[in-house]
Amino acid sequence: MINANFEPLTPLSFLGRNAVAFPDREAVVYGDRRLTYREFSLAVQQQAKAIQRYVAPGETVTVVAPNTPEMLFAHFAAPLADAILNPLNPRLAPQELRYILEHSGSKLVLVDAEVSRKLADVVLELPEPPAVVEIPDPVADLAASGIPRLMNYDAFLHEGDGAPDLRWAVHDEGHPITLNYTSGTTGAPKGAVYSHRGAYLGALGNLIHNGYSGSSRYLWTLPMFHCNGWCTPWAVTAAGGTHICLRSVRAEDIWDAFTAEGITHLCGAPVVCSTIVEAEQAEPLQTPIRMTTAGAAPPPSTIEKLETLNITPVHVYGLTEVYGPFTICEPQEEWEDRTPRERAQLMARQGVPMIHAGETKIVDEHMNDLPADGASLGEVVLRGNGVMQEYYKNPEATEEAFRGGWYHTGDLGVLHPDGYIELKDRAKDIIISGGENISSIELEKALYSHPEVQDVAVVGISHDKWGERPLAYVVQVPESTVDEDQLRQHCAEHVAKFKVPDRIEFVAELPRTATGKVRKHTLRADQS
């Protein structure tokens, strides 16, 4: 029966609407490729119908690609095909790709030509290999590899030919739309399940807070494989704005886009902020830009430099488990009377819940609320529409994360009298480097696997460019001859290169508590 007063929420409806309302408006730009909303919607329909040839409803489609139009298409095409999208970082190590592909049960993989050979080798090791489609990139001069076992992307799309008759709708808004893997506090990645409803609301929340509109021109510096680009593929589309795709985040490319494309918005980690302000091309912009940043707050000096360039920084806080941003540091009118440095310090706080997200509070170990005094340190817990459904195929981790009816972030912070939260430390041993999560436990396991490593601890230390970088303390076995370079090379064989510690220090022993736990705070303090 058709309901006249209810329609399940899904971000698919955003593209379906704008294909009709603004068919000739520019929707996607990538080098010399320019697509209107009509062309955008047709490309998605074709990709979705091709996906249906290989994936049954509710099964997983993995996409391993940078911020190209094909990755953007997949954010609509996979759910349009009634599948679950699993976007992955092309820089992941083979071991990481292998685990996620097997755990997610991926039936189809779309992979960028730059990493197709690595992916092809990984797939051969799986007990049930998925079909693999290779995506060339003429804009980046990346041709198909010619590996026989990889399907040609054009041939794949040809299987989706026909009338664009798939409905921009779903039967159940609670159905999973995407699966986003995060390292968490253990070496094995956990898959955060997002629903159509959550993605829809997350997109609208981002649209409202960032002021996206039909005239917005959004530059893709934030990876779409990271929390679905904080729901921005759907948010910018909902507004009828223009997606400016960017394959790699380099200062020259960013500033060229600022100049040539009239960028109005972008998102990125603090390292992207630093890249922008330190670029040779940096000069005050004619068109104001709003830049949303997360992770460790940018230094006050970087915030000040952004403002002199006519770029307004907006600080948000979130996690993979909460669709990206959950809180935002809303600027208050009275802050304008503060000095630039004082204002920057206020803007560096994590803020208050976004309009769609729900609630946040600071609690002690017994779930008691702590006072809003800016000093009482406790765990940040969250609840509401902005929280994931569950960890995929991991009921134990799900139950632990949601104990007491709240999502436990593992982050430690304080609540200020004005209601704004501020992070102080992380209970989880996660290192946030350039906006990417690095699990210290994962690195420790990789180093432990070397036969000449007796004991190891990895901590995050401050870094001017990346926010944080991993530092490893290693206790060698007696008479060991292994050196730092050899251990770093060994580590690179087990994890992605960007996770490999910049430095390894050899020590006689690690500081431990009476119960045997490493005193990581002591190790961090030694580097301060």
Protein backbone atom coordinates (compact mmCIF):
# COMPACT_ATOMS: atom_id res chain seq x y z
CA MET A 1 0.00 0.00 0.00
CA ILE A 2 1.26 3.49 -0.86
CA ASN A 3 1.51 5.86 2.08
CA ALA A 4 0.63 9.44 1.32
CA ASN A 5 2.39 10.76 4.41
CA PHE A 6 5.55 8.68 4.71
CA GLU A 7 8.62 8.10 2.55
CA PRO A 8 11.73 6.28 3.87
CA LEU A 9 14.67 8.65 4.12
CA THR A 10 17.60 8.09 1.77
CA PRO A 11 20.23 10.39 0.25
CA LEU A 12 19.44 8.81 -3.11
CA SER A 13 16.48 11.17 -3.30
CA PHE A 14 18.84 14.18 -3.43
CA LEU A 15 20.27 13.19 -6.80
CA GLY A 16 16.91 12.07 -8.15
CA ARG A 17 15.42 15.45 -7.31
CA ASN A 18 18.20 17.54 -8.82
CA ALA A 19 18.32 15.48 -12.01
CA VAL A 20 14.82 16.86 -12.58
CA ALA A 21 15.06 20.27 -10.91
CA PHE A 22 18.51 21.30 -12.22
CA PRO A 23 19.35 18.94 -15.10
CA ASP A 24 21.67 21.41 -16.87
CA ARG A 25 23.48 22.74 -13.78
CA GLU A 26 27.14 21.79 -13.49
CA ALA A 27 27.42 18.94 -10.97
CA VAL A 28 30.87 17.35 -11.29
CA VAL A 29 34.22 18.75 -12.43
CA TYR A 30 37.41 16.72 -12.79
CA GLY A 31 40.11 18.21 -14.97
CA ASP A 32 38.50 18.64 -18.38
CA ARG A 33 35.58 16.37 -17.45
CA ARG A 34 32.42 18.33 -16.68
CA LEU A 35 29.06 16.74 -16.00
CA THR A 36 25.64 18.26 -15.48
CA TYR A 37 23.18 16.88 -12.96
CA ARG A 38 21.44 15.04 -15.79
CA GLU A 39 24.72 13.41 -16.81
CA PHE A 40 25.63 12.73 -13.17
CA SER A 41 22.36 10.89 -12.59
CA LEU A 42 22.67 8.88 -15.83
CA ALA A 43 26.23 7.82 -14.92
CA VAL A 44 24.99 6.65 -11.51
CA GLN A 45 22.08 4.75 -13.03
CA GLN A 46 24.39 2.97 -15.45
CA GLN A 47 26.90 2.05 -12.75
CA ALA A 48 24.09 0.85 -10.48
CA LYS A 49 22.56 -1.38 -13.13
CA ALA A 50 25.98 -2.87 -13.88
CA ILE A 51 26.50 -3.53 -10.16
CA GLN A 52 23.23 -5.43 -10.04
CA ARG A 53 24.70 -7.97 -12.48
CA TYR A 54 27.22 -9.05 -9.85
CA VAL A 55 25.76 -8.19 -6.46
CA ALA A 56 22.55 -9.38 -4.85
CA PRO A 57 20.47 -7.05 -2.63
CA GLY A 58 22.20 -6.45 0.70
CA GLU A 59 25.63 -7.63 -0.47
CA THR A 60 28.76 -5.48 -0.40
CA VAL A 61 30.48 -3.52 -3.15
CA THR A 62 34.01 -2.31 -2.40
CA VAL A 63 35.52 0.71 -4.14
CA VAL A 64 39.27 1.36 -3.80
CA ALA A 65 39.89 4.77 -5.32
CA PRO A 66 40.87 8.38 -4.65
CA ASN A 67 38.48 11.31 -5.12
CA THR A 68 37.57 10.69 -8.74
CA PRO A 69 34.08 10.97 -10.27
CA GLU A 70 33.77 7.18 -10.22
CA MET A 71 34.14 7.14 -6.43
CA LEU A 72 31.49 9.86 -6.21
CA PHE A 73 29.16 7.90 -8.51
CA ALA A 74 29.55 4.81 -6.32
CA HIS A 75 28.18 6.67 -3.28
CA PHE A 76 24.85 6.73 -5.09
CA ALA A 77 25.14 3.75 -7.45
CA ALA A 78 25.86 1.04 -4.87
CA PRO A 79 22.84 1.89 -2.67
CA LEU A 80 20.73 2.50 -5.79
CA ALA A 81 21.53 -1.10 -6.71
CA ASP A 82 20.33 -2.10 -3.20
CA ALA A 83 23.93 -2.96 -2.26
CA ILE A 84 26.16 -1.74 0.59
CA LEU A 85 29.08 0.51 -0.35
CA ASN A 86 32.48 -0.21 1.25
CA PRO A 87 34.93 2.59 0.28
CA LEU A 88 38.61 1.84 0.97
CA ASN A 89 41.84 3.80 1.11
CA PRO A 90 44.07 2.94 -1.89
CA ARG A 91 47.09 3.24 0.41
CA LEU A 92 46.11 0.29 2.60
CA ALA A 93 48.61 -2.55 2.75
CA PRO A 94 47.72 -5.87 1.02
CA GLN A 95 47.22 -7.52 4.40
CA GLU A 96 44.67 -4.87 5.40
CA LEU A 97 42.83 -5.07 2.08
CA ARG A 98 42.70 -8.85 2.32
CA TYR A 99 41.14 -8.81 5.78
CA ILE A 100 38.50 -6.20 4.91
CA LEU A 101 37.49 -7.79 1.61
CA GLU A 102 37.01 -11.15 3.30
CA HIS A 103 35.29 -9.78 6.42
CA SER A 104 32.90 -7.58 4.41
CA GLY A 105 32.04 -10.42 2.05
CA SER A 106 32.56 -8.15 -0.95
CA LYS A 107 31.18 -9.62 -4.16
CA LEU A 108 32.46 -6.88 -6.45
CA VAL A 109 35.46 -4.54 -6.28
CA LEU A 110 35.94 -1.39 -8.34
CA VAL A 111 39.59 -0.39 -8.18
CA ASP A 112 41.56 2.58 -9.49
CA ALA A 113 44.21 1.70 -12.07
CA GLU A 114 47.00 3.07 -9.87
CA VAL A 115 46.54 0.27 -7.33
CA SER A 116 44.88 -2.40 -9.46
CA ARG A 117 47.92 -4.70 -9.56
CA LYS A 118 48.15 -4.75 -5.74
CA LEU A 119 44.44 -5.46 -5.46
CA ALA A 120 44.55 -8.19 -8.12
CA ASP A 121 47.22 -10.06 -6.16
CA VAL A 122 45.22 -9.71 -2.92
CA VAL A 123 42.04 -11.09 -4.47
CA LEU A 124 43.80 -14.27 -5.59
CA GLU A 125 44.44 -15.13 -1.93
CA LEU A 126 40.77 -14.94 -0.92
CA PRO A 127 38.74 -18.15 -0.50
CA GLU A 128 35.87 -16.63 -2.50
CA PRO A 129 37.40 -14.02 -4.86
CA PRO A 130 35.07 -11.19 -5.87
CA ALA A 131 34.79 -9.87 -9.42
CA VAL A 132 37.24 -6.98 -9.93
CA VAL A 133 36.72 -4.02 -12.26
CA GLU A 134 39.65 -1.74 -13.10
CA ILE A 135 38.95 2.00 -13.46
CA PRO A 136 41.40 3.88 -15.72
CA ASP A 137 41.89 7.61 -15.27
CA PRO A 138 42.65 9.49 -18.52
CA VAL A 139 42.79 12.81 -16.63
CA ALA A 140 45.72 11.46 -14.60
CA ASP A 141 47.12 9.59 -17.63
CA LEU A 142 46.50 6.22 -15.95
CA ALA A 143 45.63 3.56 -18.48
CA ALA A 144 44.27 0.11 -17.67
CA SER A 145 46.96 -2.36 -16.62
CA GLY A 146 45.91 -5.07 -19.04
CA ILE A 147 45.90 -7.74 -16.31
CA PRO A 148 43.64 -10.46 -17.79
CA ARG A 149 41.74 -11.25 -14.60
CA LEU A 150 40.59 -7.61 -14.23
CA MET A 151 37.41 -6.52 -15.98
CA ASN A 152 37.51 -3.43 -18.19
CA TYR A 153 35.48 -0.57 -16.70
CA ASP A 154 33.84 0.39 -20.01
CA ALA A 155 32.83 -3.22 -20.59
CA PHE A 156 31.46 -3.36 -17.06
CA LEU A 157 29.42 -0.19 -17.60
CA HIS A 158 28.09 -1.59 -20.88
CA GLU A 159 26.32 -4.22 -18.80
CA GLY A 160 24.37 -1.36 -17.24
CA ASP A 161 23.06 0.00 -20.51
CA GLY A 162 19.35 0.54 -20.84
CA ALA A 163 16.69 2.90 -19.61
CA PRO A 164 17.57 4.71 -16.34
CA ASP A 165 14.58 3.21 -14.56
CA LEU A 166 15.90 2.54 -11.05
CA ARG A 167 13.93 4.46 -8.41
CA TRP A 168 15.78 6.96 -6.21
CA ALA A 169 14.17 5.37 -3.18
CA VAL A 170 14.43 2.53 -0.66
CA HIS A 171 11.89 0.36 1.11
CA ASP A 172 13.61 0.56 4.51
CA GLU A 173 15.48 3.66 5.72
CA GLY A 174 17.14 1.51 8.39
CA HIS A 175 18.82 -0.63 5.73
CA PRO A 176 22.64 -0.30 5.60
CA ILE A 177 23.91 2.12 2.98
CA THR A 178 27.64 1.95 3.64
CA LEU A 179 30.25 0.04 5.60
CA ASN A 180 33.24 2.04 6.88
CA TYR A 181 36.19 0.25 8.43
CA THR A 182 38.17 1.78 11.26
CA SER A 183 41.19 0.46 13.11
CA GLY A 184 39.71 1.15 16.54
CA THR A 185 41.83 0.02 19.48
CA THR A 186 42.62 -3.40 18.13
CA GLY A 187 44.67 -4.47 15.17
CA ALA A 188 41.67 -5.96 13.33
CA PRO A 189 39.58 -3.25 11.61
CA LYS A 190 35.93 -2.94 12.62
CA GLY A 191 33.20 -2.08 10.12
CA ALA A 192 30.86 0.75 11.15
CA VAL A 193 27.44 0.29 9.57
CA TYR A 194 25.67 3.44 8.34
CA SER A 195 21.96 3.46 7.50
CA HIS A 196 20.12 5.33 4.75
CA ARG A 197 18.36 7.36 7.45
CA GLY A 198 21.58 8.28 9.23
CA ALA A 199 23.30 9.25 5.98
CA TYR A 200 20.31 11.40 4.96
CA LEU A 201 20.26 13.25 8.27
CA GLY A 202 24.06 13.55 8.36
CA ALA A 203 24.02 15.09 4.90
CA LEU A 204 21.34 17.63 5.87
CA GLY A 205 23.22 18.48 9.07
CA ASN A 206 26.37 19.19 7.09
CA LEU A 207 24.41 21.17 4.52
CA ILE A 208 22.93 23.41 7.20
CA HIS A 209 26.11 23.98 9.21
CA ASN A 210 28.33 24.54 6.17
CA GLY A 211 25.86 26.66 4.25
CA TYR A 212 25.92 24.61 1.05
CA SER A 213 23.69 25.96 -1.72
CA GLY A 214 23.22 25.70 -5.45
CA SER A 215 26.11 28.12 -5.96
CA SER A 216 28.51 26.16 -3.73
CA ARG A 217 31.65 24.80 -5.37
CA TYR A 218 33.09 22.11 -3.12
CA LEU A 219 36.72 21.01 -3.48
CA TRP A 220 37.34 17.35 -2.67
CA THR A 221 40.42 17.43 -0.45
CA LEU A 222 38.81 15.20 2.20
CA PRO A 223 38.95 11.53 1.10
CA MET A 224 35.58 10.05 0.18
CA PHE A 225 36.85 6.74 1.58
CA HIS A 226 37.01 8.34 5.04
CA CYS A 227 33.55 8.23 6.70
CA ASN A 228 32.05 8.66 3.23
CA GLY A 229 33.70 12.06 3.06
CA TRP A 230 31.75 13.07 6.20
CA CYS A 231 28.49 12.57 4.22
CA THR A 232 29.52 15.41 1.89
CA PRO A 233 28.94 13.48 -1.38
CA TRP A 234 25.29 13.51 -0.39
CA ALA A 235 25.27 16.96 1.27
CA VAL A 236 26.65 18.91 -1.69
CA THR A 237 24.35 16.98 -4.02
CA ALA A 238 21.36 17.76 -1.79
CA ALA A 239 22.16 21.46 -2.16
CA GLY A 240 22.56 21.18 -5.92
CA GLY A 241 26.16 22.38 -5.63
CA THR A 242 29.18 21.44 -7.73
CA HIS A 243 31.70 18.73 -6.81
CA ILE A 244 35.27 19.62 -7.83
CA CYS A 245 37.11 16.29 -7.72
CA LEU A 246 40.80 16.25 -6.83
CA ARG A 247 42.89 13.12 -7.19
CA SER A 248 45.72 14.14 -4.87
CA VAL A 249 46.00 16.81 -2.19
CA ARG A 250 48.90 19.00 -3.28
CA ALA A 251 49.32 22.70 -2.59
CA GLU A 252 49.64 23.63 -6.25
CA ASP A 253 46.51 21.70 -7.26
CA ILE A 254 44.49 23.16 -4.39
CA TRP A 255 45.46 26.75 -5.18
CA ASP A 256 44.91 26.20 -8.91
CA ALA A 257 41.38 25.04 -8.08
CA PHE A 258 40.86 28.03 -5.78
CA THR A 259 41.74 30.33 -8.66
CA ALA A 260 40.21 28.56 -11.62
CA GLU A 261 37.07 27.04 -10.12
CA GLY A 262 35.92 29.66 -7.59
CA ILE A 263 35.93 27.22 -4.67
CA THR A 264 33.59 28.15 -1.81
CA HIS A 265 33.96 25.14 0.50
CA LEU A 266 36.31 22.32 1.40
CA CYS A 267 37.02 19.95 4.28
CA GLY A 268 40.24 18.44 5.51
CA ALA A 269 42.53 17.50 8.35
CA PRO A 270 44.76 20.13 9.99
CA VAL A 271 47.57 19.01 7.67
CA VAL A 272 45.52 20.29 4.73
CA CYS A 273 45.14 23.62 6.52
CA SER A 274 48.92 23.78 6.87
CA THR A 275 49.41 22.83 3.22
CA ILE A 276 47.19 25.72 2.16
CA VAL A 277 48.73 28.44 4.31
CA GLU A 278 52.32 27.38 3.60
CA ALA A 279 51.93 27.17 -0.18
CA GLU A 280 53.99 29.48 -2.39
CA GLN A 281 50.78 30.60 -4.13
CA ALA A 282 49.09 31.58 -0.87
CA GLU A 283 47.52 35.05 -1.06
CA PRO A 284 44.22 36.58 0.08
CA LEU A 285 41.34 35.19 -1.96
CA GLN A 286 38.63 37.20 -3.65
CA THR A 287 36.00 34.52 -3.02
CA PRO A 288 35.51 33.67 0.68
CA ILE A 289 36.03 30.00 1.51
CA ARG A 290 34.61 28.02 4.41
CA MET A 291 36.93 25.20 5.47
CA THR A 292 35.78 22.48 7.85
CA THR A 293 38.54 20.69 9.71
CA ALA A 294 38.61 17.90 12.30
CA GLY A 295 40.98 15.67 14.17
CA ALA A 296 43.48 17.50 16.34
CA ALA A 297 42.63 21.19 16.19
CA PRO A 298 44.87 23.32 13.97
CA PRO A 299 47.36 25.44 15.92
CA PRO A 300 46.07 28.97 16.67
CA SER A 301 48.76 30.35 14.33
CA THR A 302 47.35 28.29 11.43
CA ILE A 303 43.81 29.47 12.19
CA GLU A 304 45.02 33.07 12.13
CA LYS A 305 46.80 32.55 8.79
CA LEU A 306 43.68 30.98 7.24
CA GLU A 307 41.62 34.00 8.23
CA THR A 308 44.11 36.39 6.60
CA LEU A 309 43.63 34.40 3.35
CA ASN A 310 39.82 34.93 3.52
CA ILE A 311 39.34 31.30 4.59
CA THR A 312 37.05 30.74 7.58
CA PRO A 313 38.02 27.61 9.52
CA VAL A 314 35.26 25.58 11.16
CA HIS A 315 36.29 22.97 13.74
CA VAL A 316 34.24 19.78 14.08
CA TYR A 317 34.68 16.57 16.04
CA GLY A 318 33.59 13.06 15.30
CA LEU A 319 34.61 9.50 14.52
CA THR A 320 34.04 6.89 11.87
CA GLU A 321 31.33 5.45 14.12
CA VAL A 322 29.27 8.69 13.96
CA TYR A 323 29.17 9.44 10.22
CA GLY A 324 32.17 11.77 10.55
CA PRO A 325 31.38 15.06 12.34
CA PHE A 326 29.12 14.97 15.39
CA THR A 327 29.91 18.26 17.13
CA ILE A 328 30.84 21.67 15.76
CA CYS A 329 32.50 24.66 17.38
CA GLU A 330 29.77 27.19 16.64
CA PRO A 331 31.25 30.72 16.71
CA GLN A 332 29.59 33.13 19.11
CA GLU A 333 29.06 36.83 18.35
CA GLU A 334 30.97 37.93 21.45
CA TRP A 335 34.07 36.10 20.24
CA GLU A 336 34.56 38.86 17.68
CA ASP A 337 35.69 41.15 20.50
CA ARG A 338 38.50 38.78 21.49
CA THR A 339 42.07 39.00 20.22
CA PRO A 340 42.86 36.78 17.21
CA ARG A 341 44.81 34.39 19.44
CA GLU A 342 41.99 34.14 22.03
CA ARG A 343 39.43 33.60 19.27
CA ALA A 344 41.57 30.90 17.72
CA GLN A 345 41.83 29.09 21.05
CA LEU A 346 38.04 29.16 21.45
CA MET A 347 37.57 27.92 17.89
CA ALA A 348 39.91 25.00 18.53
CA ARG A 349 37.44 23.38 20.96
CA GLN A 350 35.25 20.52 19.78
CA GLY A 351 32.02 22.42 20.47
CA VAL A 352 28.37 21.41 20.68
CA PRO A 353 26.28 18.72 18.90
CA MET A 354 25.36 19.39 15.28
CA ILE A 355 21.70 19.95 14.52
CA HIS A 356 21.06 16.39 13.30
CA ALA A 357 23.37 14.45 15.57
CA GLY A 358 21.92 14.07 19.06
CA GLU A 359 23.48 14.50 22.49
CA THR A 360 26.94 14.51 23.98
CA LYS A 361 28.16 14.49 27.56
CA ILE A 362 31.24 13.90 29.69
CA VAL A 363 30.98 11.04 32.19
CA ASP A 364 33.07 9.24 34.78
CA GLU A 365 33.72 5.49 34.76
CA HIS A 366 30.29 4.88 36.35
CA MET A 367 28.43 6.91 33.68
CA ASN A 368 27.80 9.78 36.09
CA ASP A 369 27.65 13.22 34.44
CA LEU A 370 30.62 15.42 35.24
CA PRO A 371 30.20 19.15 35.97
CA ALA A 372 30.57 21.81 33.28
CA ASP A 373 33.60 23.37 34.93
CA GLY A 374 36.16 23.03 32.14
CA ALA A 375 38.33 20.91 34.45
CA SER A 376 36.60 17.61 35.35
CA LEU A 377 38.08 15.04 32.97
CA GLY A 378 35.91 12.20 31.73
CA GLU A 379 34.95 10.17 28.68
CA VAL A 380 33.02 11.72 25.80
CA VAL A 381 29.86 9.70 25.11
CA LEU A 382 27.33 10.27 22.32
CA ARG A 383 23.83 9.21 21.38
CA GLY A 384 21.29 10.07 18.69
CA ASN A 385 20.62 9.87 14.97
CA GLY A 386 24.26 10.61 14.21
CA VAL A 387 25.54 7.32 15.63
CA MET A 388 26.20 4.20 13.55
CA GLN A 389 23.93 1.17 13.74
CA GLU A 390 26.53 -1.41 14.78
CA TYR A 391 29.91 -2.95 14.08
CA TYR A 392 29.48 -5.35 11.16
CA LYS A 393 29.57 -9.01 12.24
CA ASN A 394 30.91 -8.01 15.65
CA PRO A 395 28.18 -8.11 18.32
CA GLU A 396 30.68 -8.17 21.20
CA ALA A 397 32.37 -4.92 20.09
CA THR A 398 28.94 -3.38 19.42
CA GLU A 399 27.69 -4.22 22.92
CA GLU A 400 30.84 -2.82 24.50
CA ALA A 401 30.68 0.40 22.47
CA PHE A 402 27.00 1.01 23.35
CA ARG A 403 27.07 0.12 27.04
CA GLY A 404 24.68 2.21 29.09
CA GLY A 405 22.75 3.30 26.02
CA TRP A 406 25.47 5.69 24.78
CA TYR A 407 28.26 5.34 22.26
CA HIS A 408 31.59 5.37 24.10
CA THR A 409 34.19 7.29 22.10
CA GLY A 410 37.15 6.43 24.29
CA ASP A 411 38.13 10.10 24.07
CA LEU A 412 38.73 12.07 27.25
CA GLY A 413 37.58 15.66 27.58
CA VAL A 414 36.02 18.37 29.67
CA LEU A 415 32.76 20.29 29.48
CA HIS A 416 33.06 24.07 29.69
CA PRO A 417 30.48 26.29 31.41
CA ASP A 418 29.24 27.48 28.00
CA GLY A 419 28.34 23.90 27.05
CA TYR A 420 31.26 23.37 24.67
CA ILE A 421 33.33 20.21 25.00
CA GLU A 422 37.10 20.13 24.64
CA LEU A 423 39.20 17.02 24.15
CA LYS A 424 42.21 16.53 26.36
CA ASP A 425 43.45 13.03 25.54
CA ARG A 426 42.39 9.72 24.00
CA ALA A 427 41.69 6.67 26.04
CA LYS A 428 41.99 4.68 22.86
CA ASP A 429 45.51 4.34 21.56
CA ILE A 430 44.67 5.95 18.25
CA ILE A 431 47.15 8.26 16.56
CA ILE A 432 45.52 10.82 14.24
CA SER A 433 48.04 11.66 11.53
CA GLY A 434 46.94 13.91 8.68
CA GLY A 435 43.33 13.04 9.45
CA GLU A 436 43.99 9.28 9.17
CA ASN A 437 43.57 6.94 12.13
CA ILE A 438 46.60 4.82 13.02
CA SER A 439 46.20 2.07 15.63
CA SER A 440 49.20 1.89 17.95
CA ILE A 441 48.28 -1.71 18.77
CA GLU A 442 48.32 -2.61 15.08
CA LEU A 443 51.83 -1.15 14.77
CA GLU A 444 52.97 -2.93 17.92
CA LYS A 445 51.79 -6.26 16.49
CA ALA A 446 53.67 -5.57 13.26
CA LEU A 447 56.88 -4.82 15.15
CA TYR A 448 56.41 -7.74 17.54
CA SER A 449 56.37 -10.08 14.53
CA HIS A 450 60.08 -9.38 13.97
CA PRO A 451 62.13 -12.12 15.66
CA GLU A 452 64.58 -9.64 17.22
CA VAL A 453 61.90 -7.54 18.98
CA GLN A 454 61.31 -8.47 22.61
CA ASP A 455 59.02 -5.65 23.73
CA VAL A 456 57.45 -2.65 22.01
CA ALA A 457 55.20 0.33 22.63
CA VAL A 458 53.94 2.87 20.09
CA VAL A 459 52.74 6.36 21.02
CA GLY A 460 51.67 9.42 19.10
CA ILE A 461 53.80 12.52 19.37
CA SER A 462 53.08 16.04 18.18
CA HIS A 463 54.05 16.93 14.61
CA ASP A 464 53.86 20.42 13.09
CA LYS A 465 52.58 19.21 9.71
CA TRP A 466 50.66 16.00 10.35
CA GLY A 467 49.26 16.76 13.81
CA GLU A 468 50.64 13.51 15.18
CA ARG A 469 53.08 10.84 14.07
CA PRO A 470 53.84 7.42 15.59
CA LEU A 471 56.99 6.85 17.63
CA ALA A 472 58.00 3.31 18.54
CA TYR A 473 59.97 2.27 21.63
CA VAL A 474 61.60 -1.11 21.09
CA VAL A 475 63.35 -3.51 23.45
CA GLN A 476 65.59 -5.84 21.45
CA VAL A 477 66.26 -9.47 22.20
CA PRO A 478 69.76 -10.16 23.61
CA GLU A 479 72.56 -9.80 21.05
CA SER A 480 70.20 -8.36 18.44
CA THR A 481 71.74 -6.53 15.49
CA VAL A 482 68.53 -5.17 13.96
CA ASP A 483 68.59 -1.43 13.31
CA GLU A 484 65.92 1.25 12.92
CA ASP A 485 65.79 1.13 9.11
CA GLN A 486 65.39 -2.64 9.10
CA LEU A 487 62.50 -2.47 11.56
CA ARG A 488 60.79 0.29 9.61
CA GLN A 489 61.10 -1.80 6.44
CA HIS A 490 59.69 -4.82 8.28
CA CYS A 491 56.78 -2.72 9.54
CA ALA A 492 56.03 -1.50 5.99
CA GLU A 493 55.50 -5.12 4.93
CA HIS A 494 52.57 -5.44 7.35
CA VAL A 495 50.84 -2.05 7.36
CA ALA A 496 50.33 0.88 4.99
CA LYS A 497 53.45 3.01 4.53
CA PHE A 498 51.82 6.11 6.03
CA LYS A 499 51.42 4.22 9.30
CA VAL A 500 55.10 3.27 9.63
CA PRO A 501 56.72 5.06 12.61
CA ASP A 502 58.93 7.99 11.66
CA ARG A 503 61.25 7.10 14.50
CA ILE A 504 62.17 4.01 16.47
CA GLU A 505 64.01 4.38 19.75
CA PHE A 506 65.77 1.40 21.33
CA VAL A 507 65.41 1.17 25.10
CA ALA A 508 66.51 -1.30 27.78
CA GLU A 509 62.95 -1.65 29.14
CA LEU A 510 59.52 -0.08 28.97
CA PRO A 511 57.91 1.68 31.96
CA ARG A 512 55.07 -0.46 33.24
CA THR A 513 52.48 -0.43 36.01
CA ALA A 514 52.27 -3.06 38.74
CA THR A 515 49.78 -4.96 36.59
CA GLY A 516 52.10 -4.95 33.59
CA LYS A 517 50.51 -2.20 31.49
CA VAL A 518 52.87 0.12 29.62
CA ARG A 519 52.84 3.65 30.99
CA LYS A 520 52.36 5.33 27.65
CA HIS A 521 51.77 8.71 29.24
CA THR A 522 55.32 8.50 30.57
CA LEU A 523 56.66 7.79 27.10
CA ARG A 524 54.71 10.72 25.65
CA ALA A 525 55.93 13.00 28.41
CA ASP A 526 59.55 12.12 27.52
CA GLN A 527 58.95 13.69 24.08
CA SER A 528 57.21 16.86 25.25
